[in-house]
Amino acid sequence: MPDFSGFPPWLVACLWSGLVSLGLLLGAFAGLYAPLKHRGITSVMAAGAGILIAAASLNLVVAAVRDAGAMRAGFALVAGGAMYSLANFWLAKHAAKHRKRCGECVQQPTEKGTPGSGLAIAVGTLLDAVPEAAVLGLETARIGAPGAGLLVAFALGNFAEALSSASGMGIAGRSKRYVFGLWAMAALAVTLLAGLSAGLATFAPPGIESLCNAFAAGALIAMVVETMVPEATHDSSPFNGLIAVLGFLAVMLLLAGA
């Protein structure tokens, strides 16, 4: 890992989150141009789901339990999941429920059929980026830089999310400019929010970072279950469960070697 010890935490967080966010742009490109059908996309989403759940549980929650205790970490975890689910419930009522569907199984709403759905999808996309951004910033403030396992997990998870969503947006008739613009905006949001998170964490009381990470982990797990798992399991390969486990295993081995 490069040594950024002489840089302010907010800038380090921006650098790492900007690198991780390239997964969003690559996934959007693949979703629009790669000849990948629904079943192939479901397998990528299954791997992404396993990867992100491993990052949340094995890295963030374990550290929070160690540093803050099971009860406090558990409360933060549930609070984060509840906060995300409430926000996602509201967005689902405003045409953003299927924002990560590839379009061949469940089609995303079109702007003509559901006016305002594009804005709802954009807001939902930014909501999905918040837990990752918070974690990257908090981990930078806590230990100087996010671990390699966490960075790889988020980059791969980002690729899976953008792949399916961009495919669905294209099938729903949204222009390539719109799709790339949306994911570029999401990448920029992750970068800036990570920097903000790291900057604010430097003023927080000692130990609060672990509880905030548990909160973000709860939101991250809720995001995976509510927006990625439906695509990963809809008319999918019978081995997608195993693919998710292999994704989980890959992150586990990365974290063990960190």
C-alpha atoms as a PDB file:
ATOM      1  CA  MET A   1       0.000   0.000   0.000  1.00  0.00           C
ATOM      2  CA  PRO A   2       1.340   3.508  -0.822  1.00  0.00           C
ATOM      3  CA  ASP A   3       2.286   5.665   2.141  1.00  0.00           C
ATOM      4  CA  PHE A   4       0.045   8.733   2.375  1.00  0.00           C
ATOM      5  CA  SER A   5       0.885   9.481   6.015  1.00  0.00           C
ATOM      6  CA  GLY A   6       1.863  13.063   5.180  1.00  0.00           C
ATOM      7  CA  PHE A   7      -1.527  13.867   3.642  1.00  0.00           C
ATOM      8  CA  PRO A   8      -4.685  14.951   5.503  1.00  0.00           C
ATOM      9  CA  PRO A   9      -7.167  12.092   6.102  1.00  0.00           C
ATOM     10  CA  TRP A  10      -9.881  13.660   3.950  1.00  0.00           C
ATOM     11  CA  LEU A  11      -7.570  13.756   0.941  1.00  0.00           C
ATOM     12  CA  VAL A  12      -6.402  10.171   1.472  1.00  0.00           C
ATOM     13  CA  ALA A  13     -10.034   9.040   1.698  1.00  0.00           C
ATOM     14  CA  CYS A  14     -10.822  10.855  -1.553  1.00  0.00           C
ATOM     15  CA  LEU A  15      -7.870   9.211  -3.303  1.00  0.00           C
ATOM     16  CA  TRP A  16      -8.822   5.674  -2.283  1.00  0.00           C
ATOM     17  CA  SER A  17     -12.546   6.112  -2.831  1.00  0.00           C
ATOM     18  CA  GLY A  18     -11.889   7.614  -6.257  1.00  0.00           C
ATOM     19  CA  LEU A  19      -9.909   4.511  -7.156  1.00  0.00           C
ATOM     20  CA  VAL A  20     -12.617   2.190  -5.855  1.00  0.00           C
ATOM     21  CA  SER A  21     -15.283   4.157  -7.733  1.00  0.00           C
ATOM     22  CA  LEU A  22     -13.713   3.185 -11.049  1.00  0.00           C
ATOM     23  CA  GLY A  23     -15.614  -0.082 -10.551  1.00  0.00           C
ATOM     24  CA  LEU A  24     -18.851   1.877 -11.050  1.00  0.00           C
ATOM     25  CA  LEU A  25     -17.721   3.286 -14.376  1.00  0.00           C
ATOM     26  CA  LEU A  26     -16.362  -0.032 -15.624  1.00  0.00           C
ATOM     27  CA  GLY A  27     -19.587  -1.758 -14.586  1.00  0.00           C
ATOM     28  CA  ALA A  28     -21.691   0.845 -16.396  1.00  0.00           C
ATOM     29  CA  PHE A  29     -19.601   0.398 -19.541  1.00  0.00           C
ATOM     30  CA  ALA A  30     -19.987  -3.385 -19.355  1.00  0.00           C
ATOM     31  CA  GLY A  31     -23.721  -3.100 -18.738  1.00  0.00           C
ATOM     32  CA  LEU A  32     -24.182  -1.065 -21.900  1.00  0.00           C
ATOM     33  CA  TYR A  33     -21.684  -2.729 -24.239  1.00  0.00           C
ATOM     34  CA  ALA A  34     -20.829  -6.252 -23.023  1.00  0.00           C
ATOM     35  CA  PRO A  35     -22.944  -9.028 -24.597  1.00  0.00           C
ATOM     36  CA  LEU A  36     -23.940 -10.416 -21.186  1.00  0.00           C
ATOM     37  CA  LYS A  37     -27.428 -11.860 -20.814  1.00  0.00           C
ATOM     38  CA  HIS A  38     -29.632 -12.020 -17.737  1.00  0.00           C
ATOM     39  CA  ARG A  39     -28.265 -15.267 -16.307  1.00  0.00           C
ATOM     40  CA  GLY A  40     -24.696 -14.059 -16.629  1.00  0.00           C
ATOM     41  CA  ILE A  41     -25.601 -10.814 -14.872  1.00  0.00           C
ATOM     42  CA  THR A  42     -27.300 -12.703 -12.041  1.00  0.00           C
ATOM     43  CA  SER A  43     -24.078 -14.637 -11.421  1.00  0.00           C
ATOM     44  CA  VAL A  44     -22.069 -11.412 -11.265  1.00  0.00           C
ATOM     45  CA  MET A  45     -24.624  -9.962  -8.854  1.00  0.00           C
ATOM     46  CA  ALA A  46     -24.474 -13.104  -6.693  1.00  0.00           C
ATOM     47  CA  ALA A  47     -20.697 -12.780  -6.446  1.00  0.00           C
ATOM     48  CA  GLY A  48     -21.036  -9.077  -5.664  1.00  0.00           C
ATOM     49  CA  ALA A  49     -23.576  -9.781  -2.934  1.00  0.00           C
ATOM     50  CA  GLY A  50     -21.315 -12.334  -1.271  1.00  0.00           C
ATOM     51  CA  ILE A  51     -18.348  -9.974  -1.523  1.00  0.00           C
ATOM     52  CA  LEU A  52     -20.138  -7.016   0.063  1.00  0.00           C
ATOM     53  CA  ILE A  53     -21.705  -9.069   2.858  1.00  0.00           C
ATOM     54  CA  ALA A  54     -18.252 -10.454   3.680  1.00  0.00           C
ATOM     55  CA  ALA A  55     -16.780  -6.948   3.768  1.00  0.00           C
ATOM     56  CA  ALA A  56     -19.563  -5.738   6.066  1.00  0.00           C
ATOM     57  CA  SER A  57     -19.533  -8.687   8.437  1.00  0.00           C
ATOM     58  CA  LEU A  58     -15.926  -9.866   8.575  1.00  0.00           C
ATOM     59  CA  ASN A  59     -14.334  -6.425   8.518  1.00  0.00           C
ATOM     60  CA  LEU A  60     -16.693  -3.787   9.841  1.00  0.00           C
ATOM     61  CA  VAL A  61     -18.923  -5.617  12.295  1.00  0.00           C
ATOM     62  CA  VAL A  62     -16.142  -7.749  13.773  1.00  0.00           C
ATOM     63  CA  ALA A  63     -14.041  -4.627  14.408  1.00  0.00           C
ATOM     64  CA  ALA A  64     -17.018  -2.792  15.924  1.00  0.00           C
ATOM     65  CA  VAL A  65     -17.810  -5.669  18.291  1.00  0.00           C
ATOM     66  CA  ARG A  66     -14.165  -5.848  19.340  1.00  0.00           C
ATOM     67  CA  ASP A  67     -13.873  -2.120  19.970  1.00  0.00           C
ATOM     68  CA  ALA A  68     -17.337  -1.174  21.245  1.00  0.00           C
ATOM     69  CA  GLY A  69     -18.915  -4.416  22.486  1.00  0.00           C
ATOM     70  CA  ALA A  70     -21.631  -6.587  21.008  1.00  0.00           C
ATOM     71  CA  MET A  71     -24.611  -4.647  22.373  1.00  0.00           C
ATOM     72  CA  ARG A  72     -23.517  -1.216  21.188  1.00  0.00           C
ATOM     73  CA  ALA A  73     -22.309  -2.549  17.849  1.00  0.00           C
ATOM     74  CA  GLY A  74     -25.540  -4.510  17.401  1.00  0.00           C
ATOM     75  CA  PHE A  75     -27.650  -1.441  18.084  1.00  0.00           C
ATOM     76  CA  ALA A  76     -25.669   0.583  15.512  1.00  0.00           C
ATOM     77  CA  LEU A  77     -25.937  -2.260  12.993  1.00  0.00           C
ATOM     78  CA  VAL A  78     -29.735  -2.454  13.284  1.00  0.00           C
ATOM     79  CA  ALA A  79     -30.065   1.329  13.195  1.00  0.00           C
ATOM     80  CA  GLY A  80     -28.105   1.481   9.946  1.00  0.00           C
ATOM     81  CA  GLY A  81     -30.205  -1.254   8.371  1.00  0.00           C
ATOM     82  CA  ALA A  82     -33.433   0.413   9.487  1.00  0.00           C
ATOM     83  CA  MET A  83     -32.349   3.795   8.146  1.00  0.00           C
ATOM     84  CA  TYR A  84     -31.512   2.357   4.736  1.00  0.00           C
ATOM     85  CA  SER A  85     -34.679   0.254   4.532  1.00  0.00           C
ATOM     86  CA  LEU A  86     -36.898   3.231   5.351  1.00  0.00           C
ATOM     87  CA  ALA A  87     -35.219   5.373   2.702  1.00  0.00           C
ATOM     88  CA  ASN A  88     -35.391   2.557   0.152  1.00  0.00           C
ATOM     89  CA  PHE A  89     -39.056   1.930   0.977  1.00  0.00           C
ATOM     90  CA  TRP A  90     -39.819   5.561   0.153  1.00  0.00           C
ATOM     91  CA  LEU A  91     -37.817   5.374  -3.087  1.00  0.00           C
ATOM     92  CA  ALA A  92     -39.593   2.146  -4.086  1.00  0.00           C
ATOM     93  CA  LYS A  93     -42.865   4.066  -3.886  1.00  0.00           C
ATOM     94  CA  HIS A  94     -41.419   6.590  -6.338  1.00  0.00           C
ATOM     95  CA  ALA A  95     -40.362   4.203  -9.148  1.00  0.00           C
ATOM     96  CA  ALA A  96     -36.815   3.359  -7.972  1.00  0.00           C
ATOM     97  CA  LYS A  97     -37.552  -0.166  -6.704  1.00  0.00           C
ATOM     98  CA  HIS A  98     -36.045  -1.917  -9.734  1.00  0.00           C
ATOM     99  CA  ARG A  99     -33.041   0.374 -10.236  1.00  0.00           C
ATOM    100  CA  LYS A 100     -30.610  -2.568 -10.195  1.00  0.00           C
ATOM    101  CA  ARG A 101     -32.526  -4.940 -12.421  1.00  0.00           C
ATOM    102  CA  CYS A 102     -30.899  -5.785 -15.751  1.00  0.00           C
ATOM    103  CA  GLY A 103     -34.113  -5.284 -17.720  1.00  0.00           C
ATOM    104  CA  GLU A 104     -34.457  -8.766 -19.215  1.00  0.00           C
ATOM    105  CA  CYS A 105     -36.230 -10.127 -16.117  1.00  0.00           C
ATOM    106  CA  VAL A 106     -37.908  -7.086 -14.590  1.00  0.00           C
ATOM    107  CA  GLN A 107     -37.843  -3.933 -16.667  1.00  0.00           C
ATOM    108  CA  GLN A 108     -37.009  -0.621 -15.072  1.00  0.00           C
ATOM    109  CA  PRO A 109     -39.673   2.090 -15.532  1.00  0.00           C
ATOM    110  CA  THR A 110     -39.301   4.365 -18.530  1.00  0.00           C
ATOM    111  CA  GLU A 111     -39.458   8.130 -18.244  1.00  0.00           C
ATOM    112  CA  LYS A 112     -42.358   8.206 -20.666  1.00  0.00           C
ATOM    113  CA  GLY A 113     -44.337   5.596 -18.747  1.00  0.00           C
ATOM    114  CA  THR A 114     -43.439   6.921 -15.291  1.00  0.00           C
ATOM    115  CA  PRO A 115     -42.442  10.594 -15.351  1.00  0.00           C
ATOM    116  CA  GLY A 116     -39.884  11.381 -12.667  1.00  0.00           C
ATOM    117  CA  SER A 117     -38.607   7.804 -12.478  1.00  0.00           C
ATOM    118  CA  GLY A 118     -35.187   8.879 -13.760  1.00  0.00           C
ATOM    119  CA  LEU A 119     -34.760  11.270 -10.846  1.00  0.00           C
ATOM    120  CA  ALA A 120     -35.899   8.599  -8.384  1.00  0.00           C
ATOM    121  CA  ILE A 121     -33.386   6.123  -9.831  1.00  0.00           C
ATOM    122  CA  ALA A 122     -30.644   8.749  -9.579  1.00  0.00           C
ATOM    123  CA  VAL A 123     -31.491   9.452  -5.931  1.00  0.00           C
ATOM    124  CA  GLY A 124     -31.578   5.719  -5.217  1.00  0.00           C
ATOM    125  CA  THR A 125     -28.193   5.255  -6.868  1.00  0.00           C
ATOM    126  CA  LEU A 126     -26.708   7.970  -4.660  1.00  0.00           C
ATOM    127  CA  LEU A 127     -28.348   6.442  -1.578  1.00  0.00           C
ATOM    128  CA  ASP A 128     -26.686   3.109  -2.348  1.00  0.00           C
ATOM    129  CA  ALA A 129     -23.303   4.860  -2.467  1.00  0.00           C
ATOM    130  CA  VAL A 130     -23.557   6.421   1.003  1.00  0.00           C
ATOM    131  CA  PRO A 131     -22.630   3.372   3.169  1.00  0.00           C
ATOM    132  CA  GLU A 132     -19.521   2.647   1.100  1.00  0.00           C
ATOM    133  CA  ALA A 133     -18.411   6.277   1.198  1.00  0.00           C
ATOM    134  CA  ALA A 134     -18.892   6.476   4.963  1.00  0.00           C
ATOM    135  CA  VAL A 135     -16.869   3.313   5.525  1.00  0.00           C
ATOM    136  CA  LEU A 136     -13.972   4.431   3.318  1.00  0.00           C
ATOM    137  CA  GLY A 137     -13.763   7.750   5.124  1.00  0.00           C
ATOM    138  CA  LEU A 138     -14.102   6.282   8.602  1.00  0.00           C
ATOM    139  CA  GLU A 139     -11.516   3.578   7.981  1.00  0.00           C
ATOM    140  CA  THR A 140      -9.089   6.198   6.688  1.00  0.00           C
ATOM    141  CA  ALA A 141      -9.589   8.281   9.823  1.00  0.00           C
ATOM    142  CA  ARG A 142      -9.331   5.221  12.072  1.00  0.00           C
ATOM    143  CA  ILE A 143      -6.256   3.415  10.696  1.00  0.00           C
ATOM    144  CA  GLY A 144      -4.783   5.729   8.061  1.00  0.00           C
ATOM    145  CA  ALA A 145      -6.197   3.955   4.974  1.00  0.00           C
ATOM    146  CA  PRO A 146      -8.853   1.345   4.144  1.00  0.00           C
ATOM    147  CA  GLY A 147      -7.495  -2.193   4.066  1.00  0.00           C
ATOM    148  CA  ALA A 148      -6.723  -3.840   0.736  1.00  0.00           C
ATOM    149  CA  GLY A 149      -9.476  -6.420   1.269  1.00  0.00           C
ATOM    150  CA  LEU A 150     -12.076  -3.701   1.786  1.00  0.00           C
ATOM    151  CA  LEU A 151     -10.917  -1.754  -1.268  1.00  0.00           C
ATOM    152  CA  VAL A 152     -11.066  -4.820  -3.524  1.00  0.00           C
ATOM    153  CA  ALA A 153     -14.468  -5.828  -2.123  1.00  0.00           C
ATOM    154  CA  PHE A 154     -15.993  -2.409  -2.766  1.00  0.00           C
ATOM    155  CA  ALA A 155     -14.495  -2.148  -6.262  1.00  0.00           C
ATOM    156  CA  LEU A 156     -15.904  -5.548  -7.275  1.00  0.00           C
ATOM    157  CA  GLY A 157     -19.239  -4.854  -5.600  1.00  0.00           C
ATOM    158  CA  ASN A 158     -19.448  -1.536  -7.451  1.00  0.00           C
ATOM    159  CA  PHE A 159     -18.805  -3.281 -10.758  1.00  0.00           C
ATOM    160  CA  ALA A 160     -21.650  -5.746 -10.151  1.00  0.00           C
ATOM    161  CA  GLU A 161     -24.115  -3.042  -9.102  1.00  0.00           C
ATOM    162  CA  ALA A 162     -23.415  -0.770 -12.054  1.00  0.00           C
ATOM    163  CA  LEU A 163     -23.366  -3.653 -14.552  1.00  0.00           C
ATOM    164  CA  SER A 164     -26.923  -4.753 -13.856  1.00  0.00           C
ATOM    165  CA  SER A 165     -28.328  -1.274 -13.327  1.00  0.00           C
ATOM    166  CA  ALA A 166     -26.781   0.181 -16.484  1.00  0.00           C
ATOM    167  CA  SER A 167     -28.104  -2.726 -18.536  1.00  0.00           C
ATOM    168  CA  GLY A 168     -31.591  -2.097 -17.177  1.00  0.00           C
ATOM    169  CA  MET A 169     -31.372   1.628 -17.837  1.00  0.00           C
ATOM    170  CA  GLY A 170     -30.366   0.999 -21.431  1.00  0.00           C
ATOM    171  CA  ILE A 171     -33.239  -1.425 -22.007  1.00  0.00           C
ATOM    172  CA  ALA A 172     -35.622   1.117 -20.442  1.00  0.00           C
ATOM    173  CA  GLY A 173     -34.607   3.597 -23.141  1.00  0.00           C
ATOM    174  CA  ARG A 174     -32.299   5.868 -21.201  1.00  0.00           C
ATOM    175  CA  SER A 175     -29.454   7.268 -23.243  1.00  0.00           C
ATOM    176  CA  LYS A 176     -25.853   6.185 -22.834  1.00  0.00           C
ATOM    177  CA  ARG A 177     -25.010   9.767 -21.880  1.00  0.00           C
ATOM    178  CA  TYR A 178     -27.580   9.638 -19.095  1.00  0.00           C
ATOM    179  CA  VAL A 179     -26.338   6.270 -17.821  1.00  0.00           C
ATOM    180  CA  PHE A 180     -22.664   7.236 -17.781  1.00  0.00           C
ATOM    181  CA  GLY A 181     -23.516  10.633 -16.324  1.00  0.00           C
ATOM    182  CA  LEU A 182     -25.452   9.014 -13.497  1.00  0.00           C
ATOM    183  CA  TRP A 183     -22.693   6.584 -12.583  1.00  0.00           C
ATOM    184  CA  ALA A 184     -20.050   9.289 -12.908  1.00  0.00           C
ATOM    185  CA  MET A 185     -22.122  11.347 -10.487  1.00  0.00           C
ATOM    186  CA  ALA A 186     -22.307   8.367  -8.135  1.00  0.00           C
ATOM    187  CA  ALA A 187     -18.519   7.909  -8.358  1.00  0.00           C
ATOM    188  CA  LEU A 188     -17.977  11.583  -7.582  1.00  0.00           C
ATOM    189  CA  ALA A 189     -20.434  11.382  -4.686  1.00  0.00           C
ATOM    190  CA  VAL A 190     -18.602   8.396  -3.171  1.00  0.00           C
ATOM    191  CA  THR A 191     -15.312  10.266  -3.468  1.00  0.00           C
ATOM    192  CA  LEU A 192     -16.552  13.489  -1.883  1.00  0.00           C
ATOM    193  CA  LEU A 193     -18.611  11.785   0.822  1.00  0.00           C
ATOM    194  CA  ALA A 194     -15.636   9.635   1.801  1.00  0.00           C
ATOM    195  CA  GLY A 195     -13.524  12.761   2.174  1.00  0.00           C
ATOM    196  CA  LEU A 196     -16.246  14.441   4.227  1.00  0.00           C
ATOM    197  CA  SER A 197     -16.613  11.342   6.399  1.00  0.00           C
ATOM    198  CA  ALA A 198     -12.865  11.222   7.090  1.00  0.00           C
ATOM    199  CA  GLY A 199     -12.753  14.929   7.832  1.00  0.00           C
ATOM    200  CA  LEU A 200     -15.644  14.796  10.290  1.00  0.00           C
ATOM    201  CA  ALA A 201     -14.266  11.671  11.960  1.00  0.00           C
ATOM    202  CA  THR A 202     -11.131  13.553  13.027  1.00  0.00           C
ATOM    203  CA  PHE A 203     -13.328  15.688  15.289  1.00  0.00           C
ATOM    204  CA  ALA A 204     -15.378  12.789  16.679  1.00  0.00           C
ATOM    205  CA  PRO A 205     -14.874  11.315  20.168  1.00  0.00           C
ATOM    206  CA  PRO A 206     -12.414   8.389  20.328  1.00  0.00           C
ATOM    207  CA  GLY A 207     -13.979   5.057  19.410  1.00  0.00           C
ATOM    208  CA  ILE A 208     -16.998   6.478  17.615  1.00  0.00           C
ATOM    209  CA  GLU A 209     -15.622   5.344  14.250  1.00  0.00           C
ATOM    210  CA  SER A 210     -16.301   1.695  15.064  1.00  0.00           C
ATOM    211  CA  LEU A 211     -19.951   2.362  15.889  1.00  0.00           C
ATOM    212  CA  CYS A 212     -20.344   4.435  12.732  1.00  0.00           C
ATOM    213  CA  ASN A 213     -18.812   1.576  10.756  1.00  0.00           C
ATOM    214  CA  ALA A 214     -21.330  -0.834  12.298  1.00  0.00           C
ATOM    215  CA  PHE A 215     -24.116   1.584  11.314  1.00  0.00           C
ATOM    216  CA  ALA A 216     -22.774   1.711   7.751  1.00  0.00           C
ATOM    217  CA  ALA A 217     -22.433  -2.077   7.700  1.00  0.00           C
ATOM    218  CA  GLY A 218     -26.119  -2.417   8.588  1.00  0.00           C
ATOM    219  CA  ALA A 219     -27.039  -0.100   5.723  1.00  0.00           C
ATOM    220  CA  LEU A 220     -24.710  -1.994   3.386  1.00  0.00           C
ATOM    221  CA  ILE A 221     -26.237  -5.390   4.233  1.00  0.00           C
ATOM    222  CA  ALA A 222     -29.755  -3.983   3.803  1.00  0.00           C
ATOM    223  CA  MET A 223     -28.737  -2.525   0.433  1.00  0.00           C
ATOM    224  CA  VAL A 224     -27.381  -5.874  -0.761  1.00  0.00           C
ATOM    225  CA  VAL A 225     -30.503  -7.795   0.260  1.00  0.00           C
ATOM    226  CA  GLU A 226     -33.019  -5.277  -1.058  1.00  0.00           C
ATOM    227  CA  THR A 227     -31.365  -4.252  -4.333  1.00  0.00           C
ATOM    228  CA  MET A 228     -28.855  -6.932  -5.383  1.00  0.00           C
ATOM    229  CA  VAL A 229     -30.230 -10.249  -4.156  1.00  0.00           C
ATOM    230  CA  PRO A 230     -33.542  -9.915  -6.100  1.00  0.00           C
ATOM    231  CA  GLU A 231     -31.584  -9.720  -9.356  1.00  0.00           C
ATOM    232  CA  ALA A 232     -29.130 -12.447  -8.289  1.00  0.00           C
ATOM    233  CA  THR A 233     -31.937 -14.940  -7.603  1.00  0.00           C
ATOM    234  CA  HIS A 234     -34.496 -14.162 -10.335  1.00  0.00           C
ATOM    235  CA  ASP A 235     -34.515 -16.975 -12.927  1.00  0.00           C
ATOM    236  CA  SER A 236     -30.855 -17.525 -12.120  1.00  0.00           C
ATOM    237  CA  SER A 237     -28.286 -20.274 -12.359  1.00  0.00           C
ATOM    238  CA  PRO A 238     -28.808 -23.052  -9.773  1.00  0.00           C
ATOM    239  CA  PHE A 239     -25.244 -22.379  -8.584  1.00  0.00           C
ATOM    240  CA  ASN A 240     -25.607 -18.688  -7.767  1.00  0.00           C
ATOM    241  CA  GLY A 241     -25.704 -19.493  -4.072  1.00  0.00           C
ATOM    242  CA  LEU A 242     -22.324 -21.162  -4.418  1.00  0.00           C
ATOM    243  CA  ILE A 243     -21.028 -18.193  -6.410  1.00  0.00           C
ATOM    244  CA  ALA A 244     -22.060 -15.887  -3.560  1.00  0.00           C
ATOM    245  CA  VAL A 245     -20.220 -18.139  -1.107  1.00  0.00           C
ATOM    246  CA  LEU A 246     -17.108 -18.044  -3.290  1.00  0.00           C
ATOM    247  CA  GLY A 247     -17.288 -14.243  -3.328  1.00  0.00           C
ATOM    248  CA  PHE A 248     -17.554 -14.278   0.450  1.00  0.00           C
ATOM    249  CA  LEU A 249     -14.592 -16.670   0.645  1.00  0.00           C
ATOM    250  CA  ALA A 250     -12.434 -14.483  -1.602  1.00  0.00           C
ATOM    251  CA  VAL A 251     -12.887 -11.485   0.706  1.00  0.00           C
ATOM    252  CA  MET A 252     -12.321 -13.657   3.766  1.00  0.00           C
ATOM    253  CA  LEU A 253      -8.961 -14.800   2.375  1.00  0.00           C
ATOM    254  CA  LEU A 254      -8.021 -11.232   1.429  1.00  0.00           C
ATOM    255  CA  LEU A 255      -8.808  -9.999   4.927  1.00  0.00           C
ATOM    256  CA  ALA A 256      -6.960 -12.913   6.516  1.00  0.00           C
ATOM    257  CA  GLY A 257      -3.856 -12.056   4.504  1.00  0.00           C
ATOM    258  CA  ALA A 258      -4.057  -8.320   5.179  1.00  0.00           C
END
